[in-house]
């Protein structure tokens, strides 16, 4: 999502603007992207553009009678991401839904583990009782065996 926003903003800023003036691209007035994708200002180019045609620079940045400004387009692009039905809201809702589903899955698995534990505890208790009974039977058989051995 962030990369998509970054790319959309870059595309918006690189588009030619219909201003009716001399300048139609931000690069013509010194706003350019560097190699890492960051927006940089070339002050020399901006100063030259301002001294040549300040009204055209103003039209490019703030908008004019014959078109929209570069920053109005940026605002429009950002609005697509931030408005109530925008991408950020949609992603936020998807994450909330996903968290809710995961919470439900955790609850179901916890219930299963509780049942599994109860079953294993019951089996363990029954196995202990059976071993105790076998031990008692073994003791009884030993006693009978030793009685028979002494009687013979």
N, C-alpha and C. Protein backbone atom coordinates (compact mmCIF):
# COMPACT_ATOMS: atom_id res chain seq x y z
N UNK A 1 0.81 -1.17 0.00
CA UNK A 1 0.00 0.00 0.00
C UNK A 1 0.87 1.26 0.00
N UNK A 2 1.92 1.26 0.82
CA UNK A 2 2.79 2.44 0.89
C UNK A 2 3.51 2.63 -0.42
N UNK A 3 3.98 1.55 -1.01
CA UNK A 3 4.66 1.67 -2.30
C UNK A 3 3.70 2.15 -3.37
N UNK A 4 2.47 1.68 -3.31
CA UNK A 4 1.46 2.12 -4.27
C UNK A 4 1.20 3.61 -4.14
N UNK A 5 1.09 4.08 -2.90
CA UNK A 5 0.90 5.51 -2.65
C UNK A 5 2.10 6.29 -3.15
N UNK A 6 3.29 5.80 -2.86
CA UNK A 6 4.51 6.48 -3.30
C UNK A 6 4.55 6.57 -4.82
N UNK A 7 4.22 5.48 -5.48
CA UNK A 7 4.23 5.48 -6.95
C UNK A 7 3.16 6.40 -7.51
N UNK A 8 1.97 6.39 -6.90
CA UNK A 8 0.90 7.28 -7.38
C UNK A 8 1.28 8.75 -7.22
N UNK A 9 1.89 9.08 -6.09
CA UNK A 9 2.32 10.48 -5.88
C UNK A 9 3.39 10.87 -6.88
N UNK A 10 4.33 9.96 -7.12
CA UNK A 10 5.39 10.25 -8.08
C UNK A 10 4.81 10.47 -9.48
N UNK A 11 3.90 9.59 -9.87
CA UNK A 11 3.26 9.71 -11.18
C UNK A 11 2.51 11.04 -11.28
N UNK A 12 1.78 11.38 -10.22
CA UNK A 12 1.02 12.64 -10.20
C UNK A 12 1.95 13.83 -10.36
N UNK A 13 3.07 13.81 -9.65
CA UNK A 13 4.00 14.95 -9.70
C UNK A 13 4.76 15.02 -11.02
N UNK A 14 4.94 13.89 -11.69
CA UNK A 14 5.66 13.89 -12.96
C UNK A 14 4.78 14.23 -14.16
N UNK A 15 3.47 14.15 -13.98
CA UNK A 15 2.55 14.44 -15.09
C UNK A 15 2.64 15.91 -15.49
N UNK A 16 2.44 16.12 -16.76
CA UNK A 16 2.37 17.51 -17.25
C UNK A 16 1.08 18.13 -16.75
N UNK A 17 1.17 19.37 -16.31
CA UNK A 17 0.02 20.09 -15.77
C UNK A 17 -0.50 21.08 -16.82
N UNK A 18 -1.80 21.19 -16.91
CA UNK A 18 -2.39 22.16 -17.85
C UNK A 18 -2.62 23.46 -17.10
N UNK A 19 -1.66 24.35 -17.21
CA UNK A 19 -1.73 25.61 -16.46
C UNK A 19 -1.99 26.81 -17.37
N UNK A 20 -1.75 26.63 -18.64
CA UNK A 20 -1.88 27.75 -19.56
C UNK A 20 -0.64 28.64 -19.54
N UNK A 21 0.34 28.26 -18.73
CA UNK A 21 1.56 29.06 -18.63
C UNK A 21 2.72 28.36 -19.30
N UNK A 22 3.88 28.94 -19.16
CA UNK A 22 5.11 28.46 -19.77
C UNK A 22 5.53 27.10 -19.19
N UNK A 23 5.30 26.90 -17.91
CA UNK A 23 5.77 25.68 -17.24
C UNK A 23 4.64 24.67 -17.07
N UNK A 24 4.93 23.45 -17.49
CA UNK A 24 3.92 22.40 -17.38
C UNK A 24 4.40 21.23 -16.51
N UNK A 25 5.68 21.19 -16.21
CA UNK A 25 6.23 20.12 -15.38
C UNK A 25 6.99 20.73 -14.21
N UNK A 26 6.92 20.06 -13.07
CA UNK A 26 7.62 20.54 -11.88
C UNK A 26 9.14 20.57 -12.08
N UNK A 27 9.64 19.68 -12.91
CA UNK A 27 11.09 19.65 -13.16
C UNK A 27 11.56 20.95 -13.83
N UNK A 28 10.66 21.62 -14.55
CA UNK A 28 11.01 22.87 -15.21
C UNK A 28 11.25 24.00 -14.22
N UNK A 29 10.73 23.84 -13.01
CA UNK A 29 10.94 24.87 -11.99
C UNK A 29 11.84 24.36 -10.85
N UNK A 30 12.47 23.19 -11.04
CA UNK A 30 13.48 22.72 -10.08
C UNK A 30 13.03 21.65 -9.12
N UNK A 31 11.80 21.17 -9.19
CA UNK A 31 11.35 20.05 -8.33
C UNK A 31 11.54 18.75 -9.10
N UNK A 32 12.46 17.93 -8.62
CA UNK A 32 12.80 16.69 -9.32
C UNK A 32 12.97 15.56 -8.34
N UNK A 33 12.85 14.34 -8.84
CA UNK A 33 13.11 13.15 -8.02
C UNK A 33 14.57 12.74 -8.20
N UNK A 34 15.22 12.40 -7.09
CA UNK A 34 16.60 11.92 -7.18
C UNK A 34 16.61 10.41 -7.41
N UNK A 35 17.78 9.80 -7.37
CA UNK A 35 17.92 8.36 -7.66
C UNK A 35 17.19 7.49 -6.65
N UNK A 36 17.05 7.97 -5.43
CA UNK A 36 16.38 7.17 -4.38
C UNK A 36 14.89 7.42 -4.34
N UNK A 37 14.38 8.28 -5.22
CA UNK A 37 12.95 8.52 -5.29
C UNK A 37 12.48 9.66 -4.41
N UNK A 38 13.39 10.39 -3.82
CA UNK A 38 13.02 11.53 -2.99
C UNK A 38 12.89 12.78 -3.84
N UNK A 39 11.95 13.61 -3.46
CA UNK A 39 11.73 14.87 -4.17
C UNK A 39 12.76 15.89 -3.68
N UNK A 40 13.44 16.52 -4.61
CA UNK A 40 14.47 17.50 -4.27
C UNK A 40 14.18 18.80 -5.01
N UNK A 41 14.64 19.88 -4.40
CA UNK A 41 14.47 21.20 -5.00
C UNK A 41 15.82 21.70 -5.51
N UNK A 42 15.88 22.02 -6.79
CA UNK A 42 17.06 22.65 -7.38
C UNK A 42 16.79 24.15 -7.31
N UNK A 43 17.41 24.78 -6.32
CA UNK A 43 17.14 26.20 -6.07
C UNK A 43 17.54 27.08 -7.24
N UNK A 44 18.60 26.73 -7.93
CA UNK A 44 19.05 27.53 -9.07
C UNK A 44 17.98 27.55 -10.15
N UNK A 45 17.44 26.38 -10.46
CA UNK A 45 16.40 26.29 -11.49
C UNK A 45 15.14 27.03 -11.05
N UNK A 46 14.78 26.90 -9.76
CA UNK A 46 13.60 27.59 -9.26
C UNK A 46 13.80 29.11 -9.33
N UNK A 47 14.95 29.58 -8.90
CA UNK A 47 15.22 31.03 -8.94
C UNK A 47 15.18 31.56 -10.37
N UNK A 48 15.71 30.77 -11.30
CA UNK A 48 15.71 31.19 -12.71
C UNK A 48 14.27 31.24 -13.24
N UNK A 49 13.47 30.23 -12.89
CA UNK A 49 12.07 30.20 -13.33
C UNK A 49 11.29 31.36 -12.72
N UNK A 50 11.55 31.65 -11.45
CA UNK A 50 10.86 32.75 -10.78
C UNK A 50 11.22 34.11 -11.39
N UNK A 51 12.48 34.25 -11.78
CA UNK A 51 12.87 35.54 -12.39
C UNK A 51 12.35 35.63 -13.83
N UNK A 52 12.20 34.51 -14.53
CA UNK A 52 11.73 34.52 -15.91
C UNK A 52 10.23 34.75 -15.99
N UNK A 53 9.44 33.95 -15.21
CA UNK A 53 7.98 34.04 -15.32
C UNK A 53 7.33 33.59 -14.01
N UNK A 54 7.30 34.47 -13.01
CA UNK A 54 6.74 34.08 -11.70
C UNK A 54 5.27 33.70 -11.76
N UNK A 55 4.52 34.29 -12.67
CA UNK A 55 3.09 33.95 -12.79
C UNK A 55 2.92 32.51 -13.27
N UNK A 56 3.79 32.07 -14.17
CA UNK A 56 3.72 30.69 -14.67
C UNK A 56 4.09 29.70 -13.56
N UNK A 57 5.05 30.07 -12.71
CA UNK A 57 5.42 29.22 -11.57
C UNK A 57 4.25 29.13 -10.61
N UNK A 58 3.64 30.27 -10.32
CA UNK A 58 2.48 30.30 -9.43
C UNK A 58 1.35 29.46 -9.99
N UNK A 59 1.10 29.56 -11.30
CA UNK A 59 0.03 28.78 -11.94
C UNK A 59 0.31 27.29 -11.84
N UNK A 60 1.57 26.91 -11.99
CA UNK A 60 1.93 25.49 -11.91
C UNK A 60 1.73 24.97 -10.49
N UNK A 61 2.12 25.75 -9.50
CA UNK A 61 2.04 25.30 -8.11
C UNK A 61 0.66 25.49 -7.49
N UNK A 62 0.03 26.62 -7.76
CA UNK A 62 -1.23 26.94 -7.10
C UNK A 62 -2.45 26.80 -8.00
N UNK A 63 -2.24 26.64 -9.28
CA UNK A 63 -3.36 26.52 -10.21
C UNK A 63 -3.69 27.85 -10.84
N UNK A 64 -4.30 27.76 -11.97
CA UNK A 64 -4.67 28.98 -12.69
C UNK A 64 -6.05 28.83 -13.26
N UNK A 65 -6.44 29.79 -14.04
CA UNK A 65 -7.79 29.80 -14.63
C UNK A 65 -7.97 28.67 -15.63
N UNK A 66 -6.89 28.23 -16.28
CA UNK A 66 -7.04 27.24 -17.35
C UNK A 66 -6.72 25.80 -16.92
N UNK A 67 -6.47 25.57 -15.66
CA UNK A 67 -6.16 24.20 -15.26
C UNK A 67 -5.97 24.05 -13.77
N UNK A 68 -5.61 22.85 -13.36
CA UNK A 68 -5.40 22.59 -11.94
C UNK A 68 -3.91 22.61 -11.62
N UNK A 69 -3.61 22.78 -10.35
CA UNK A 69 -2.21 22.82 -9.95
C UNK A 69 -1.68 21.41 -9.67
N UNK A 70 -0.36 21.32 -9.64
CA UNK A 70 0.28 20.05 -9.32
C UNK A 70 -0.13 19.58 -7.93
N UNK A 71 -0.19 20.51 -7.00
CA UNK A 71 -0.50 20.13 -5.62
C UNK A 71 -1.98 19.84 -5.41
N UNK A 72 -2.83 20.40 -6.25
CA UNK A 72 -4.25 20.03 -6.20
C UNK A 72 -4.41 18.58 -6.64
N UNK A 73 -3.62 18.17 -7.61
CA UNK A 73 -3.65 16.77 -8.05
C UNK A 73 -3.09 15.85 -6.97
N UNK A 74 -2.06 16.31 -6.26
CA UNK A 74 -1.51 15.53 -5.14
C UNK A 74 -2.58 15.36 -4.07
N UNK A 75 -3.27 16.45 -3.76
CA UNK A 75 -4.34 16.39 -2.75
C UNK A 75 -5.43 15.41 -3.17
N UNK A 76 -5.76 15.42 -4.45
CA UNK A 76 -6.78 14.50 -4.97
C UNK A 76 -6.30 13.05 -4.86
N UNK A 77 -5.04 12.81 -5.17
CA UNK A 77 -4.48 11.46 -5.06
C UNK A 77 -4.50 10.99 -3.61
N UNK A 78 -4.10 11.87 -2.68
CA UNK A 78 -4.10 11.52 -1.26
C UNK A 78 -5.52 11.27 -0.75
N UNK A 79 -6.46 12.02 -1.27
CA UNK A 79 -7.85 11.84 -0.85
C UNK A 79 -8.35 10.43 -1.19
N UNK A 80 -7.89 9.91 -2.32
CA UNK A 80 -8.26 8.55 -2.71
C UNK A 80 -7.78 7.51 -1.70
N UNK A 81 -6.75 7.83 -0.99
CA UNK A 81 -6.21 6.91 0.03
C UNK A 81 -6.84 7.16 1.40
N UNK A 82 -7.15 8.41 1.71
CA UNK A 82 -7.52 8.75 3.08
C UNK A 82 -9.01 8.93 3.32
N UNK A 83 -9.82 9.08 2.30
CA UNK A 83 -11.25 9.29 2.54
C UNK A 83 -11.87 8.04 3.16
N UNK A 84 -13.10 8.17 3.62
CA UNK A 84 -13.78 7.10 4.35
C UNK A 84 -13.79 5.79 3.56
N UNK A 85 -14.02 5.86 2.28
CA UNK A 85 -14.06 4.65 1.46
C UNK A 85 -12.73 4.43 0.73
N UNK A 86 -11.69 5.12 1.18
CA UNK A 86 -10.39 5.03 0.52
C UNK A 86 -9.62 3.77 0.87
N UNK A 87 -8.45 3.65 0.30
CA UNK A 87 -7.63 2.47 0.44
C UNK A 87 -7.19 2.23 1.88
N UNK A 88 -6.78 3.27 2.58
CA UNK A 88 -6.32 3.10 3.96
C UNK A 88 -7.46 2.59 4.83
N UNK A 89 -8.64 3.16 4.67
CA UNK A 89 -9.81 2.71 5.43
C UNK A 89 -10.14 1.26 5.11
N UNK A 90 -10.05 0.92 3.84
CA UNK A 90 -10.33 -0.45 3.40
C UNK A 90 -9.33 -1.44 3.98
N UNK A 91 -8.06 -1.10 3.93
CA UNK A 91 -7.02 -1.97 4.48
C UNK A 91 -7.18 -2.10 5.99
N UNK A 92 -7.51 -1.00 6.65
CA UNK A 92 -7.73 -1.03 8.09
C UNK A 92 -8.87 -1.98 8.43
N UNK A 93 -9.95 -1.92 7.67
CA UNK A 93 -11.09 -2.81 7.91
C UNK A 93 -10.71 -4.27 7.66
N UNK A 94 -9.92 -4.52 6.61
CA UNK A 94 -9.47 -5.88 6.34
C UNK A 94 -8.61 -6.42 7.48
N UNK A 95 -7.73 -5.58 8.02
CA UNK A 95 -6.89 -6.00 9.14
C UNK A 95 -7.74 -6.25 10.39
N UNK A 96 -8.71 -5.41 10.63
CA UNK A 96 -9.61 -5.61 11.77
C UNK A 96 -10.37 -6.91 11.63
N UNK A 97 -10.89 -7.18 10.45
CA UNK A 97 -11.60 -8.44 10.19
C UNK A 97 -10.68 -9.64 10.38
N UNK A 98 -9.46 -9.52 9.89
CA UNK A 98 -8.49 -10.60 10.02
C UNK A 98 -8.16 -10.87 11.49
N UNK A 99 -7.98 -9.82 12.26
CA UNK A 99 -7.70 -9.96 13.69
C UNK A 99 -8.88 -10.64 14.38
N UNK A 100 -10.07 -10.25 14.00
CA UNK A 100 -11.27 -10.86 14.58
C UNK A 100 -11.35 -12.35 14.26
N UNK A 101 -11.07 -12.71 13.00
CA UNK A 101 -11.08 -14.12 12.61
C UNK A 101 -10.02 -14.91 13.37
N UNK A 102 -8.83 -14.31 13.51
CA UNK A 102 -7.76 -14.99 14.24
C UNK A 102 -8.15 -15.16 15.71
N UNK A 103 -8.79 -14.17 16.29
CA UNK A 103 -9.26 -14.28 17.67
C UNK A 103 -10.26 -15.42 17.82
N UNK A 104 -11.17 -15.54 16.86
CA UNK A 104 -12.14 -16.64 16.89
C UNK A 104 -11.45 -17.99 16.75
N UNK A 105 -10.47 -18.07 15.87
CA UNK A 105 -9.72 -19.32 15.71
C UNK A 105 -8.98 -19.68 16.98
N UNK A 106 -8.41 -18.69 17.65
CA UNK A 106 -7.71 -18.94 18.91
C UNK A 106 -8.69 -19.46 19.96
N UNK A 107 -9.88 -18.88 20.01
CA UNK A 107 -10.90 -19.34 20.97
C UNK A 107 -11.29 -20.79 20.70
N UNK A 108 -11.50 -21.13 19.43
CA UNK A 108 -11.86 -22.51 19.06
C UNK A 108 -10.74 -23.47 19.43
N UNK A 109 -9.50 -23.11 19.11
CA UNK A 109 -8.36 -23.98 19.42
C UNK A 109 -8.18 -24.13 20.93
N UNK A 110 -8.40 -23.05 21.68
CA UNK A 110 -8.30 -23.11 23.14
C UNK A 110 -9.35 -24.07 23.69
N UNK A 111 -10.56 -24.01 23.16
CA UNK A 111 -11.62 -24.95 23.59
C UNK A 111 -11.23 -26.39 23.29
N UNK A 112 -10.67 -26.60 22.12
CA UNK A 112 -10.23 -27.96 21.76
C UNK A 112 -9.14 -28.45 22.70
N UNK A 113 -8.20 -27.55 23.02
CA UNK A 113 -7.11 -27.93 23.93
C UNK A 113 -7.64 -28.25 25.32
N UNK A 114 -8.63 -27.51 25.80
CA UNK A 114 -9.23 -27.79 27.11
C UNK A 114 -9.87 -29.17 27.09
N UNK A 115 -10.61 -29.49 26.04
CA UNK A 115 -11.23 -30.81 25.92
C UNK A 115 -10.17 -31.92 25.84
N UNK A 116 -9.13 -31.66 25.06
CA UNK A 116 -8.04 -32.64 24.92
C UNK A 116 -7.39 -32.89 26.28
N UNK A 117 -7.16 -31.83 27.02
CA UNK A 117 -6.54 -31.95 28.35
C UNK A 117 -7.43 -32.75 29.29
N UNK A 118 -8.73 -32.46 29.29
CA UNK A 118 -9.66 -33.20 30.14
C UNK A 118 -9.67 -34.68 29.79
N UNK A 119 -9.66 -34.97 28.48
CA UNK A 119 -9.65 -36.37 28.02
C UNK A 119 -8.37 -37.07 28.48
N UNK A 120 -7.24 -36.39 28.30
CA UNK A 120 -5.96 -37.00 28.70
C UNK A 120 -5.88 -37.18 30.22
N UNK A 121 -6.41 -36.23 30.98
CA UNK A 121 -6.41 -36.38 32.45
C UNK A 121 -7.28 -37.55 32.87
N UNK A 122 -8.43 -37.71 32.22
CA UNK A 122 -9.32 -38.82 32.53
C UNK A 122 -8.64 -40.15 32.20
N UNK A 123 -7.99 -40.23 31.04
CA UNK A 123 -7.28 -41.45 30.65
C UNK A 123 -6.14 -41.75 31.63
N UNK A 124 -5.44 -40.71 32.06
CA UNK A 124 -4.34 -40.89 33.01
C UNK A 124 -4.88 -41.42 34.35
N UNK A 125 -5.97 -40.84 34.82
CA UNK A 125 -6.57 -41.29 36.08
C UNK A 125 -7.03 -42.74 35.98
N UNK A 126 -7.65 -43.10 34.87
CA UNK A 126 -8.10 -44.48 34.65
C UNK A 126 -6.91 -45.44 34.56
N UNK A 127 -5.83 -44.99 33.89
CA UNK A 127 -4.63 -45.83 33.78
C UNK A 127 -4.00 -46.02 35.16
N UNK A 128 -3.98 -44.99 35.98
CA UNK A 128 -3.43 -45.10 37.34
C UNK A 128 -4.26 -46.07 38.18
N UNK A 129 -5.58 -45.97 38.05
CA UNK A 129 -6.47 -46.88 38.80
C UNK A 129 -6.25 -48.32 38.35
N UNK A 130 -6.12 -48.51 37.04
CA UNK A 130 -5.90 -49.86 36.51
C UNK A 130 -4.56 -50.40 37.01
N UNK A 131 -3.52 -49.56 37.03
CA UNK A 131 -2.20 -50.00 37.51
C UNK A 131 -2.26 -50.33 39.00
N UNK A 132 -3.00 -49.56 39.76
CA UNK A 132 -3.15 -49.82 41.19
C UNK A 132 -3.86 -51.15 41.41
N UNK A 133 -4.89 -51.38 40.61
CA UNK A 133 -5.64 -52.64 40.71
C UNK A 133 -4.75 -53.81 40.32
N UNK A 134 -3.95 -53.66 39.27
CA UNK A 134 -3.04 -54.73 38.86
C UNK A 134 -1.98 -54.99 39.93
N UNK A 135 -1.54 -53.93 40.58
CA UNK A 135 -0.56 -54.08 41.65
C UNK A 135 -1.15 -54.86 42.82
N UNK A 136 -2.41 -54.52 43.15
CA UNK A 136 -3.10 -55.26 44.22
C UNK A 136 -3.29 -56.72 43.85
N UNK A 137 -3.67 -56.97 42.59
CA UNK A 137 -3.84 -58.35 42.12
C UNK A 137 -2.52 -59.10 42.13
N UNK A 138 -1.46 -58.38 41.75
CA UNK A 138 -0.14 -58.99 41.75
C UNK A 138 0.26 -59.37 43.17
N UNK A 139 -0.02 -58.47 44.12
CA UNK A 139 0.28 -58.77 45.53
C UNK A 139 -0.52 -59.96 46.02
N UNK A 140 -1.77 -60.00 45.62
CA UNK A 140 -2.63 -61.13 46.00
C UNK A 140 -2.13 -62.42 45.41
N UNK A 141 -1.72 -62.40 44.13
CA UNK A 141 -1.20 -63.61 43.47
C UNK A 141 0.12 -64.04 44.10
N UNK A 142 0.94 -63.10 44.50
CA UNK A 142 2.20 -63.42 45.17
C UNK A 142 1.94 -64.09 46.50
N UNK A 143 0.95 -63.58 47.18
CA UNK A 143 0.59 -64.17 48.48
C UNK A 143 0.06 -65.58 48.31
N UNK A 144 -0.77 -65.80 47.29
CA UNK A 144 -1.29 -67.16 47.01
C UNK A 144 -0.16 -68.07 46.59
N UNK A 145 0.71 -67.55 45.77
CA UNK A 145 1.85 -68.33 45.28
C UNK A 145 2.76 -68.73 46.44
N UNK A 146 3.03 -67.82 47.36
CA UNK A 146 3.91 -68.17 48.47
C UNK A 146 3.19 -69.13 49.44
N UNK A 147 1.86 -69.02 49.56
CA UNK A 147 1.11 -69.97 50.40
C UNK A 147 1.18 -71.36 49.80
N UNK A 148 1.04 -71.42 48.49
CA UNK A 148 1.10 -72.73 47.83
C UNK A 148 2.50 -73.32 47.94
N UNK A 149 3.50 -72.50 47.85
CA UNK A 149 4.87 -72.99 47.92
C UNK A 149 5.13 -73.51 49.35
N UNK A 150 4.66 -72.85 50.35
CA UNK A 150 4.88 -73.30 51.73
C UNK A 150 4.04 -74.55 52.02
N UNK A 151 2.91 -74.66 51.45
CA UNK A 151 2.04 -75.82 51.67
C UNK A 151 2.60 -77.05 50.98
N UNK A 152 3.35 -76.92 50.04
CA UNK A 152 3.88 -78.08 49.32
C UNK A 152 5.12 -78.55 49.94
